[in-house]
Amino acid sequence: MRKPLFALNLSGNRRRSTLLVIAASFTLMSCSTILTNLPGVYSIDVQQGNMVDQAMIDQLRPAMNKRQVLYIMGSPMLVDFFHQKRWDYLYSAQLQGGDRQQKRISLFFDNDQLVGVQGDFKPSSVPVVKVSDETTVEVPKRDLEKTLWEMVTGLFGFDGIDDSPKPDKADAKTSNDQLPL
């Protein structure tokens, strides 16, 4: 009877393959842990969605129309086709490779007026007065009687007005008659 070329000991091979799989999985797990915690390696901050904070929510008031809410909050992340009266704002941030933080807020409208707020933020009951840092600048009235070109040519005496006397039509006929032939 012939002997097989390679003798397979199933119980030994099974142990080896199991140990190999366990060793490979530990190696791969340790690589991800080591790579994320290496000192001196910069990890970027990942921010996605609409930046929503408590100051924005505090400006919302009942019976605001959609345009006013759009001005304060920005465009909604989700406008559901089946729920046209609900706007959803989602914000997700993962700072310096840490845990991801997610915030959500839903605004509800009835007849294009804000009727409800639901989510991770709660609006304040005290009216918020936002002080404006903008300044008003008084601009002097422009002289619109002449264009820039007319003002520049006027400096050189070419203001577009011909000051020379124009001959009348009657004078032109007589001048033609006096020419010698």
N, C-alpha and C. Protein backbone atom coordinates (compact mmCIF):
# COMPACT_ATOMS: atom_id res chain seq x y z
N MET A 1 0.82 -1.16 0.00
CA MET A 1 0.00 0.00 0.00
C MET A 1 0.88 1.25 0.00
N ARG A 2 0.42 2.25 -0.66
CA ARG A 2 1.21 3.48 -0.80
C ARG A 2 0.95 4.42 0.34
N LYS A 3 1.99 5.16 0.67
CA LYS A 3 1.86 6.21 1.67
C LYS A 3 1.58 7.53 0.98
N PRO A 4 0.74 8.35 1.57
CA PRO A 4 0.51 9.66 0.95
C PRO A 4 1.78 10.48 0.99
N LEU A 5 1.90 11.37 0.02
CA LEU A 5 3.08 12.19 -0.09
C LEU A 5 3.22 13.10 1.14
N PHE A 6 2.13 13.73 1.53
CA PHE A 6 2.12 14.57 2.73
C PHE A 6 1.13 13.97 3.71
N ALA A 7 1.61 13.67 4.85
CA ALA A 7 0.73 13.10 5.86
C ALA A 7 -0.02 14.22 6.56
N LEU A 8 -1.31 14.16 6.49
CA LEU A 8 -2.15 15.19 7.10
C LEU A 8 -2.65 14.72 8.44
N ASN A 9 -2.26 15.42 9.45
CA ASN A 9 -2.78 15.15 10.77
C ASN A 9 -3.82 16.23 11.04
N LEU A 10 -5.09 15.89 10.87
CA LEU A 10 -6.15 16.89 10.93
C LEU A 10 -6.21 17.59 12.27
N SER A 11 -5.99 16.89 13.32
CA SER A 11 -6.08 17.55 14.62
C SER A 11 -4.95 18.56 14.79
N GLY A 12 -3.76 18.29 14.29
CA GLY A 12 -2.63 19.21 14.37
C GLY A 12 -2.81 20.41 13.46
N ASN A 13 -3.31 20.17 12.25
CA ASN A 13 -3.53 21.28 11.30
C ASN A 13 -4.63 22.21 11.77
N ARG A 14 -5.62 21.66 12.38
CA ARG A 14 -6.72 22.47 12.86
C ARG A 14 -6.24 23.39 13.98
N ARG A 15 -5.39 22.88 14.85
CA ARG A 15 -4.84 23.71 15.93
C ARG A 15 -3.97 24.82 15.36
N ARG A 16 -3.13 24.45 14.41
CA ARG A 16 -2.25 25.46 13.81
C ARG A 16 -3.06 26.55 13.11
N SER A 17 -4.06 26.16 12.34
CA SER A 17 -4.84 27.16 11.61
C SER A 17 -5.63 28.04 12.59
N THR A 18 -6.12 27.45 13.68
CA THR A 18 -6.83 28.24 14.68
C THR A 18 -5.89 29.23 15.35
N LEU A 19 -4.69 28.76 15.72
CA LEU A 19 -3.71 29.67 16.32
C LEU A 19 -3.28 30.75 15.34
N LEU A 20 -3.16 30.41 14.08
CA LEU A 20 -2.78 31.38 13.06
C LEU A 20 -3.86 32.45 12.89
N VAL A 21 -5.10 32.05 12.88
CA VAL A 21 -6.21 33.00 12.75
C VAL A 21 -6.26 33.92 13.97
N ILE A 22 -6.10 33.36 15.16
CA ILE A 22 -6.12 34.18 16.39
C ILE A 22 -4.95 35.15 16.40
N ALA A 23 -3.77 34.68 16.04
CA ALA A 23 -2.59 35.56 16.02
C ALA A 23 -2.76 36.67 14.99
N ALA A 24 -3.33 36.36 13.82
CA ALA A 24 -3.54 37.38 12.78
C ALA A 24 -4.56 38.41 13.23
N SER A 25 -5.63 37.97 13.89
CA SER A 25 -6.65 38.92 14.34
C SER A 25 -6.10 39.84 15.43
N PHE A 26 -5.31 39.31 16.36
CA PHE A 26 -4.69 40.16 17.38
C PHE A 26 -3.72 41.15 16.75
N THR A 27 -2.98 40.71 15.76
CA THR A 27 -2.04 41.60 15.08
C THR A 27 -2.77 42.74 14.40
N LEU A 28 -3.84 42.43 13.69
CA LEU A 28 -4.60 43.48 13.01
C LEU A 28 -5.28 44.43 13.99
N MET A 29 -5.79 43.91 15.09
CA MET A 29 -6.42 44.77 16.10
C MET A 29 -5.38 45.69 16.74
N SER A 30 -4.21 45.20 17.00
CA SER A 30 -3.19 46.03 17.65
C SER A 30 -2.68 47.10 16.70
N CYS A 31 -2.66 46.82 15.41
CA CYS A 31 -2.21 47.84 14.45
C CYS A 31 -3.15 49.04 14.45
N SER A 32 -4.45 48.79 14.48
CA SER A 32 -5.39 49.92 14.48
C SER A 32 -5.30 50.70 15.78
N THR A 33 -5.09 50.04 16.88
CA THR A 33 -4.96 50.74 18.16
C THR A 33 -3.66 51.54 18.20
N ILE A 34 -2.59 50.96 17.72
CA ILE A 34 -1.30 51.65 17.75
C ILE A 34 -1.30 52.83 16.80
N LEU A 35 -1.86 52.66 15.61
CA LEU A 35 -1.82 53.72 14.61
C LEU A 35 -2.67 54.92 15.01
N THR A 36 -3.76 54.71 15.72
CA THR A 36 -4.59 55.84 16.12
C THR A 36 -4.03 56.57 17.33
N ASN A 37 -3.15 55.95 18.08
CA ASN A 37 -2.63 56.57 19.30
C ASN A 37 -1.14 56.88 19.23
N LEU A 38 -0.58 56.96 18.05
CA LEU A 38 0.84 57.29 17.93
C LEU A 38 1.08 58.73 18.35
N PRO A 39 2.08 58.98 19.15
CA PRO A 39 2.36 60.37 19.53
C PRO A 39 2.94 61.14 18.35
N GLY A 40 2.52 62.41 18.22
CA GLY A 40 3.04 63.27 17.17
C GLY A 40 2.34 63.11 15.84
N VAL A 41 1.39 62.19 15.73
CA VAL A 41 0.66 62.01 14.47
C VAL A 41 -0.60 62.88 14.53
N TYR A 42 -0.76 63.74 13.53
CA TYR A 42 -1.90 64.66 13.51
C TYR A 42 -3.12 63.95 12.96
N SER A 43 -4.22 64.05 13.66
CA SER A 43 -5.47 63.52 13.15
C SER A 43 -6.42 64.69 12.96
N ILE A 44 -7.07 64.74 11.81
CA ILE A 44 -7.90 65.89 11.45
C ILE A 44 -9.24 65.83 12.16
N ASP A 45 -9.83 67.01 12.34
CA ASP A 45 -11.16 67.11 12.90
C ASP A 45 -12.15 66.94 11.75
N VAL A 46 -13.09 66.03 11.91
CA VAL A 46 -14.08 65.77 10.87
C VAL A 46 -15.41 66.34 11.35
N GLN A 47 -15.92 67.33 10.61
CA GLN A 47 -17.21 67.93 10.93
C GLN A 47 -18.11 67.78 9.71
N GLN A 48 -19.31 67.30 9.92
CA GLN A 48 -20.24 67.10 8.82
C GLN A 48 -21.61 67.63 9.22
N GLY A 49 -22.33 68.13 8.23
CA GLY A 49 -23.69 68.59 8.45
C GLY A 49 -23.76 70.08 8.73
N ASN A 50 -24.87 70.49 9.32
CA ASN A 50 -25.11 71.89 9.64
C ASN A 50 -24.55 72.19 11.02
N MET A 51 -23.76 73.25 11.12
CA MET A 51 -23.25 73.70 12.42
C MET A 51 -24.43 74.33 13.17
N VAL A 52 -24.89 73.68 14.20
CA VAL A 52 -26.01 74.17 14.99
C VAL A 52 -25.54 74.32 16.42
N ASP A 53 -25.81 75.48 17.02
CA ASP A 53 -25.45 75.68 18.43
C ASP A 53 -26.65 76.28 19.17
N GLN A 54 -26.51 76.39 20.46
CA GLN A 54 -27.62 76.84 21.30
C GLN A 54 -28.02 78.28 21.00
N ALA A 55 -27.07 79.12 20.61
CA ALA A 55 -27.39 80.52 20.30
C ALA A 55 -28.33 80.62 19.10
N MET A 56 -28.18 79.73 18.14
CA MET A 56 -29.08 79.73 16.98
C MET A 56 -30.47 79.28 17.39
N ILE A 57 -30.55 78.28 18.23
CA ILE A 57 -31.84 77.77 18.67
C ILE A 57 -32.57 78.81 19.52
N ASP A 58 -31.80 79.58 20.32
CA ASP A 58 -32.41 80.60 21.18
C ASP A 58 -33.06 81.72 20.37
N GLN A 59 -32.65 81.91 19.14
CA GLN A 59 -33.24 82.97 18.31
C GLN A 59 -34.57 82.55 17.69
N LEU A 60 -34.87 81.25 17.69
CA LEU A 60 -36.11 80.78 17.10
C LEU A 60 -37.29 81.12 18.00
N ARG A 61 -38.37 81.55 17.41
CA ARG A 61 -39.60 81.90 18.12
C ARG A 61 -40.79 81.25 17.41
N PRO A 62 -41.83 80.91 18.16
CA PRO A 62 -43.04 80.37 17.51
C PRO A 62 -43.62 81.38 16.53
N ALA A 63 -44.23 80.87 15.49
CA ALA A 63 -44.89 81.65 14.43
C ALA A 63 -43.91 82.37 13.52
N MET A 64 -42.62 82.01 13.57
CA MET A 64 -41.67 82.54 12.57
C MET A 64 -41.97 81.87 11.24
N ASN A 65 -41.82 82.62 10.15
CA ASN A 65 -42.04 81.98 8.85
C ASN A 65 -40.78 81.24 8.41
N LYS A 66 -40.90 80.48 7.34
CA LYS A 66 -39.79 79.63 6.90
C LYS A 66 -38.59 80.46 6.46
N ARG A 67 -38.84 81.62 5.91
CA ARG A 67 -37.73 82.48 5.48
C ARG A 67 -36.90 82.96 6.66
N GLN A 68 -37.54 83.32 7.74
CA GLN A 68 -36.82 83.77 8.93
C GLN A 68 -36.01 82.62 9.54
N VAL A 69 -36.61 81.44 9.58
CA VAL A 69 -35.90 80.27 10.11
C VAL A 69 -34.72 79.92 9.22
N LEU A 70 -34.90 80.02 7.92
CA LEU A 70 -33.83 79.75 6.97
C LEU A 70 -32.68 80.73 7.16
N TYR A 71 -32.99 81.98 7.47
CA TYR A 71 -31.96 83.00 7.71
C TYR A 71 -31.15 82.68 8.97
N ILE A 72 -31.81 82.22 10.01
CA ILE A 72 -31.14 81.94 11.28
C ILE A 72 -30.38 80.61 11.22
N MET A 73 -31.01 79.57 10.72
CA MET A 73 -30.46 78.21 10.81
C MET A 73 -29.69 77.78 9.56
N GLY A 74 -29.95 78.39 8.43
CA GLY A 74 -29.34 77.92 7.19
C GLY A 74 -30.22 76.85 6.55
N SER A 75 -29.76 76.32 5.45
CA SER A 75 -30.53 75.30 4.73
C SER A 75 -30.58 74.01 5.54
N PRO A 76 -31.73 73.37 5.59
CA PRO A 76 -31.81 72.11 6.35
C PRO A 76 -31.05 71.00 5.65
N MET A 77 -30.52 70.09 6.45
CA MET A 77 -29.78 68.95 5.92
C MET A 77 -30.74 68.00 5.21
N LEU A 78 -31.91 67.81 5.77
CA LEU A 78 -32.89 66.89 5.20
C LEU A 78 -34.25 67.57 5.12
N VAL A 79 -34.86 67.50 3.96
CA VAL A 79 -36.27 67.87 3.81
C VAL A 79 -36.93 66.64 3.23
N ASP A 80 -37.71 65.96 4.06
CA ASP A 80 -38.32 64.70 3.67
C ASP A 80 -39.46 64.96 2.69
N PHE A 81 -39.48 64.21 1.61
CA PHE A 81 -40.51 64.37 0.60
C PHE A 81 -41.89 64.06 1.17
N PHE A 82 -41.96 63.10 2.06
CA PHE A 82 -43.24 62.70 2.62
C PHE A 82 -43.65 63.55 3.81
N HIS A 83 -42.72 64.30 4.38
CA HIS A 83 -43.02 65.19 5.51
C HIS A 83 -42.49 66.57 5.18
N GLN A 84 -43.19 67.29 4.33
CA GLN A 84 -42.75 68.60 3.86
C GLN A 84 -42.76 69.64 4.98
N LYS A 85 -43.49 69.38 6.04
CA LYS A 85 -43.61 70.36 7.13
C LYS A 85 -42.52 70.18 8.18
N ARG A 86 -41.54 69.31 7.93
CA ARG A 86 -40.48 69.06 8.90
C ARG A 86 -39.12 69.28 8.25
N TRP A 87 -38.28 70.06 8.93
CA TRP A 87 -36.90 70.27 8.49
C TRP A 87 -35.99 69.62 9.52
N ASP A 88 -35.01 68.85 9.06
CA ASP A 88 -34.07 68.17 9.95
C ASP A 88 -32.68 68.75 9.77
N TYR A 89 -32.04 69.07 10.87
CA TYR A 89 -30.66 69.55 10.88
C TYR A 89 -29.82 68.53 11.64
N LEU A 90 -28.76 68.02 10.99
CA LEU A 90 -27.88 67.04 11.61
C LEU A 90 -26.48 67.61 11.66
N TYR A 91 -25.78 67.34 12.76
CA TYR A 91 -24.40 67.78 12.89
C TYR A 91 -23.60 66.66 13.54
N SER A 92 -22.47 66.33 12.93
CA SER A 92 -21.61 65.28 13.45
C SER A 92 -20.19 65.81 13.50
N ALA A 93 -19.51 65.57 14.62
CA ALA A 93 -18.12 66.04 14.78
C ALA A 93 -17.30 64.95 15.45
N GLN A 94 -16.12 64.76 14.90
CA GLN A 94 -15.15 63.84 15.50
C GLN A 94 -13.86 64.64 15.64
N LEU A 95 -13.58 65.08 16.85
CA LEU A 95 -12.46 65.97 17.10
C LEU A 95 -11.22 65.20 17.51
N GLN A 96 -10.13 65.40 16.80
CA GLN A 96 -8.82 64.83 17.08
C GLN A 96 -8.85 63.32 17.24
N GLY A 97 -9.59 62.65 16.39
CA GLY A 97 -9.62 61.20 16.41
C GLY A 97 -10.39 60.61 17.57
N GLY A 98 -11.10 61.42 18.33
CA GLY A 98 -11.86 60.94 19.48
C GLY A 98 -13.19 60.35 19.06
N ASP A 99 -14.07 60.22 20.03
CA ASP A 99 -15.40 59.68 19.75
C ASP A 99 -16.21 60.69 18.95
N ARG A 100 -17.08 60.17 18.11
CA ARG A 100 -17.92 61.02 17.28
C ARG A 100 -19.11 61.52 18.09
N GLN A 101 -19.37 62.82 18.00
CA GLN A 101 -20.53 63.43 18.66
C GLN A 101 -21.53 63.80 17.59
N GLN A 102 -22.78 63.46 17.81
CA GLN A 102 -23.81 63.76 16.83
C GLN A 102 -24.96 64.49 17.50
N LYS A 103 -25.40 65.57 16.86
CA LYS A 103 -26.52 66.35 17.37
C LYS A 103 -27.56 66.45 16.27
N ARG A 104 -28.83 66.44 16.69
CA ARG A 104 -29.93 66.46 15.74
C ARG A 104 -31.02 67.38 16.26
N ILE A 105 -31.64 68.10 15.33
CA ILE A 105 -32.79 68.91 15.69
C ILE A 105 -33.78 68.90 14.52
N SER A 106 -35.06 68.83 14.85
CA SER A 106 -36.12 68.85 13.85
C SER A 106 -37.01 70.04 14.12
N LEU A 107 -37.34 70.77 13.07
CA LEU A 107 -38.24 71.92 13.17
C LEU A 107 -39.53 71.58 12.44
N PHE A 108 -40.66 71.88 13.06
CA PHE A 108 -41.96 71.55 12.49
C PHE A 108 -42.70 72.83 12.13
N PHE A 109 -43.33 72.82 10.96
CA PHE A 109 -44.04 73.98 10.44
C PHE A 109 -45.49 73.63 10.19
N ASP A 110 -46.35 74.64 10.33
CA ASP A 110 -47.75 74.52 9.95
C ASP A 110 -48.14 75.83 9.29
N ASN A 111 -48.62 75.76 8.06
CA ASN A 111 -48.92 76.95 7.25
C ASN A 111 -47.72 77.87 7.14
N ASP A 112 -46.55 77.28 6.90
CA ASP A 112 -45.27 78.00 6.73
C ASP A 112 -44.87 78.81 7.97
N GLN A 113 -45.33 78.39 9.15
CA GLN A 113 -44.94 79.05 10.39
C GLN A 113 -44.43 78.00 11.36
N LEU A 114 -43.38 78.35 12.10
CA LEU A 114 -42.75 77.43 13.04
C LEU A 114 -43.70 77.13 14.19
N VAL A 115 -43.93 75.83 14.42
CA VAL A 115 -44.82 75.44 15.52
C VAL A 115 -44.14 74.54 16.54
N GLY A 116 -42.99 73.94 16.19
CA GLY A 116 -42.36 73.05 17.15
C GLY A 116 -40.89 72.81 16.87
N VAL A 117 -40.17 72.49 17.96
CA VAL A 117 -38.75 72.17 17.89
C VAL A 117 -38.54 70.89 18.68
N GLN A 118 -37.81 69.93 18.08
CA GLN A 118 -37.57 68.67 18.76
C GLN A 118 -36.14 68.23 18.47
N GLY A 119 -35.45 67.74 19.49
CA GLY A 119 -34.10 67.24 19.26
C GLY A 119 -33.20 67.44 20.47
N ASP A 120 -31.90 67.59 20.21
CA ASP A 120 -30.90 67.68 21.27
C ASP A 120 -30.80 69.07 21.90
N PHE A 121 -31.41 70.07 21.30
CA PHE A 121 -31.38 71.43 21.83
C PHE A 121 -32.77 71.83 22.28
N LYS A 122 -32.83 72.66 23.30
CA LYS A 122 -34.10 73.19 23.78
C LYS A 122 -34.06 74.71 23.68
N PRO A 123 -35.07 75.33 23.08
CA PRO A 123 -35.07 76.79 22.97
C PRO A 123 -35.29 77.45 24.33
N SER A 124 -34.74 78.64 24.50
CA SER A 124 -34.92 79.36 25.76
C SER A 124 -36.25 80.09 25.75
N SER A 125 -36.77 80.34 26.93
CA SER A 125 -38.04 81.06 27.04
C SER A 125 -37.82 82.56 27.14
N VAL A 126 -36.58 82.97 27.40
CA VAL A 126 -36.25 84.39 27.52
C VAL A 126 -35.93 84.93 26.13
N PRO A 127 -36.51 86.06 25.74
CA PRO A 127 -36.19 86.61 24.42
C PRO A 127 -34.71 86.98 24.32
N VAL A 128 -34.14 86.67 23.19
CA VAL A 128 -32.72 86.94 22.97
C VAL A 128 -32.61 88.22 22.15
N VAL A 129 -31.83 89.15 22.65
CA VAL A 129 -31.57 90.37 21.91
C VAL A 129 -30.15 90.25 21.37
N LYS A 130 -30.06 90.20 20.09
CA LYS A 130 -28.75 90.07 19.45
C LYS A 130 -28.24 91.46 19.11
N VAL A 131 -27.13 91.83 19.74
CA VAL A 131 -26.54 93.13 19.51
C VAL A 131 -25.78 93.08 18.18
N SER A 132 -26.06 94.05 17.33
CA SER A 132 -25.43 94.09 16.03
C SER A 132 -24.09 94.81 16.12
N ASP A 133 -23.07 94.21 15.51
CA ASP A 133 -21.75 94.83 15.46
C ASP A 133 -21.56 95.65 14.18
N GLU A 134 -22.60 95.75 13.39
CA GLU A 134 -22.51 96.45 12.12
C GLU A 134 -22.60 97.96 12.34
N THR A 135 -21.92 98.71 11.49
CA THR A 135 -21.97 100.16 11.55
C THR A 135 -22.53 100.70 10.25
N THR A 136 -23.17 101.85 10.34
CA THR A 136 -23.72 102.49 9.16
C THR A 136 -22.76 103.57 8.70
N VAL A 137 -22.47 103.58 7.42
CA VAL A 137 -21.56 104.56 6.84
C VAL A 137 -22.36 105.47 5.93
N GLU A 138 -22.23 106.78 6.14
CA GLU A 138 -22.89 107.76 5.29
C GLU A 138 -22.02 108.02 4.07
N VAL A 139 -22.54 107.77 2.90
CA VAL A 139 -21.81 107.98 1.66
C VAL A 139 -22.34 109.26 1.02
N PRO A 140 -21.44 110.20 0.65
CA PRO A 140 -21.92 111.44 0.05
C PRO A 140 -22.57 111.18 -1.31
N LYS A 141 -23.51 112.03 -1.65
CA LYS A 141 -24.23 111.88 -2.90
C LYS A 141 -23.29 112.17 -4.07
N ARG A 142 -23.39 111.36 -5.10
CA ARG A 142 -22.54 111.53 -6.28
C ARG A 142 -23.13 112.58 -7.20
N ASP A 143 -22.24 113.27 -7.89
CA ASP A 143 -22.65 114.23 -8.91
C ASP A 143 -22.87 113.45 -10.19
N LEU A 144 -24.12 113.22 -10.52
CA LEU A 144 -24.43 112.39 -11.68
C LEU A 144 -24.77 113.21 -12.92
N GLU A 145 -24.48 114.51 -12.88
CA GLU A 145 -24.79 115.32 -14.05
C GLU A 145 -23.84 115.01 -15.20
N LYS A 146 -22.59 114.70 -14.90
CA LYS A 146 -21.60 114.39 -15.93
C LYS A 146 -21.00 113.02 -15.66
N THR A 147 -20.66 112.32 -16.73
CA THR A 147 -19.97 111.04 -16.59
C THR A 147 -18.49 111.29 -16.36
N LEU A 148 -17.77 110.25 -16.04
CA LEU A 148 -16.34 110.37 -15.80
C LEU A 148 -15.63 110.85 -17.06
N TRP A 149 -16.02 110.35 -18.21
CA TRP A 149 -15.39 110.75 -19.47
C TRP A 149 -15.62 112.24 -19.75
N GLU A 150 -16.83 112.69 -19.48
CA GLU A 150 -17.13 114.11 -19.70
C GLU A 150 -16.32 114.99 -18.76
N MET A 151 -16.10 114.55 -17.50
CA MET A 151 -15.31 115.34 -16.56
C MET A 151 -13.84 115.37 -16.98
N VAL A 152 -13.28 114.25 -17.46
CA VAL A 152 -11.88 114.20 -17.87
C VAL A 152 -11.67 115.06 -19.12
N THR A 153 -12.54 114.93 -20.12
CA THR A 153 -12.38 115.74 -21.33
C THR A 153 -12.65 117.20 -21.06
N GLY A 154 -13.47 117.50 -20.06
CA GLY A 154 -13.73 118.90 -19.70
C GLY A 154 -12.50 119.57 -19.10
N LEU A 155 -11.61 118.79 -18.47
CA LEU A 155 -10.38 119.35 -17.92
C LEU A 155 -9.47 119.88 -19.02
N PHE A 156 -9.54 119.29 -20.21
CA PHE A 156 -8.69 119.68 -21.32
C PHE A 156 -9.40 120.61 -22.30
N GLY A 157 -10.60 121.01 -21.97
CA GLY A 157 -11.32 121.94 -22.84
C GLY A 157 -12.17 121.26 -23.88
N PHE A 158 -12.20 119.93 -23.88
CA PHE A 158 -13.04 119.19 -24.83
C PHE A 158 -14.25 118.67 -24.07
N ASP A 159 -15.17 119.56 -23.82
CA ASP A 159 -16.31 119.15 -23.02
C ASP A 159 -17.49 118.68 -23.86
N GLY A 160 -17.32 118.59 -25.18
CA GLY A 160 -18.37 118.09 -26.05
C GLY A 160 -19.31 119.18 -26.52
N ILE A 161 -19.15 120.39 -26.04
CA ILE A 161 -20.01 121.49 -26.46
C ILE A 161 -19.22 122.31 -27.47
N ASP A 162 -19.75 122.43 -28.68
CA ASP A 162 -19.07 123.18 -29.74
C ASP A 162 -19.45 124.64 -29.59
N ASP A 163 -18.48 125.48 -29.22
CA ASP A 163 -18.74 126.90 -28.98
C ASP A 163 -18.63 127.75 -30.26
N SER A 164 -18.17 127.17 -31.36
CA SER A 164 -18.05 127.96 -32.59
C SER A 164 -19.42 128.21 -33.19
N PRO A 165 -19.59 129.40 -33.80
CA PRO A 165 -20.91 129.71 -34.38
C PRO A 165 -21.19 128.82 -35.58
N LYS A 166 -22.42 128.33 -35.65
CA LYS A 166 -22.82 127.49 -36.76
C LYS A 166 -23.49 128.36 -37.82
N PRO A 167 -23.12 128.14 -39.07
CA PRO A 167 -23.78 128.94 -40.11
C PRO A 167 -25.21 128.48 -40.31
N ASP A 168 -26.07 129.43 -40.55
CA ASP A 168 -27.48 129.11 -40.84
C ASP A 168 -27.59 128.55 -42.23
N LYS A 169 -28.73 127.96 -42.53
CA LYS A 169 -28.96 127.38 -43.86
C LYS A 169 -29.04 128.48 -44.91
N ALA A 170 -29.58 129.59 -44.53
CA ALA A 170 -29.68 130.70 -45.49
C ALA A 170 -28.29 131.24 -45.80
N ASP A 171 -27.40 131.31 -44.81
CA ASP A 171 -26.04 131.77 -45.03
C ASP A 171 -25.26 130.79 -45.88
N ALA A 172 -25.55 129.51 -45.77
CA ALA A 172 -24.84 128.50 -46.54
C ALA A 172 -25.15 128.64 -48.01
N LYS A 173 -26.40 128.98 -48.36
CA LYS A 173 -26.77 129.13 -49.76
C LYS A 173 -26.08 130.34 -50.37
N THR A 174 -26.01 131.40 -49.64
CA THR A 174 -25.39 132.60 -50.19
C THR A 174 -23.89 132.41 -50.34
N SER A 175 -23.31 131.65 -49.45
CA SER A 175 -21.88 131.44 -49.56
C SER A 175 -21.56 130.58 -50.76
N ASN A 176 -22.44 129.67 -51.12
CA ASN A 176 -22.21 128.84 -52.30
C ASN A 176 -22.35 129.67 -53.58
N ASP A 177 -23.21 130.68 -53.55
CA ASP A 177 -23.44 131.51 -54.73
C ASP A 177 -22.24 132.43 -54.99
N GLN A 178 -21.49 132.75 -54.03
CA GLN A 178 -20.40 133.70 -54.16
C GLN A 178 -19.10 133.03 -54.62
N LEU A 179 -19.09 131.74 -54.71
CA LEU A 179 -17.87 131.04 -55.13
C LEU A 179 -17.64 131.28 -56.63
N PRO A 180 -16.37 131.57 -57.00
CA PRO A 180 -16.11 131.74 -58.43
C PRO A 180 -16.07 130.40 -59.15
N LEU A 181 -16.44 130.46 -60.44
CA LEU A 181 -16.43 129.24 -61.24
C LEU A 181 -15.19 129.03 -62.00
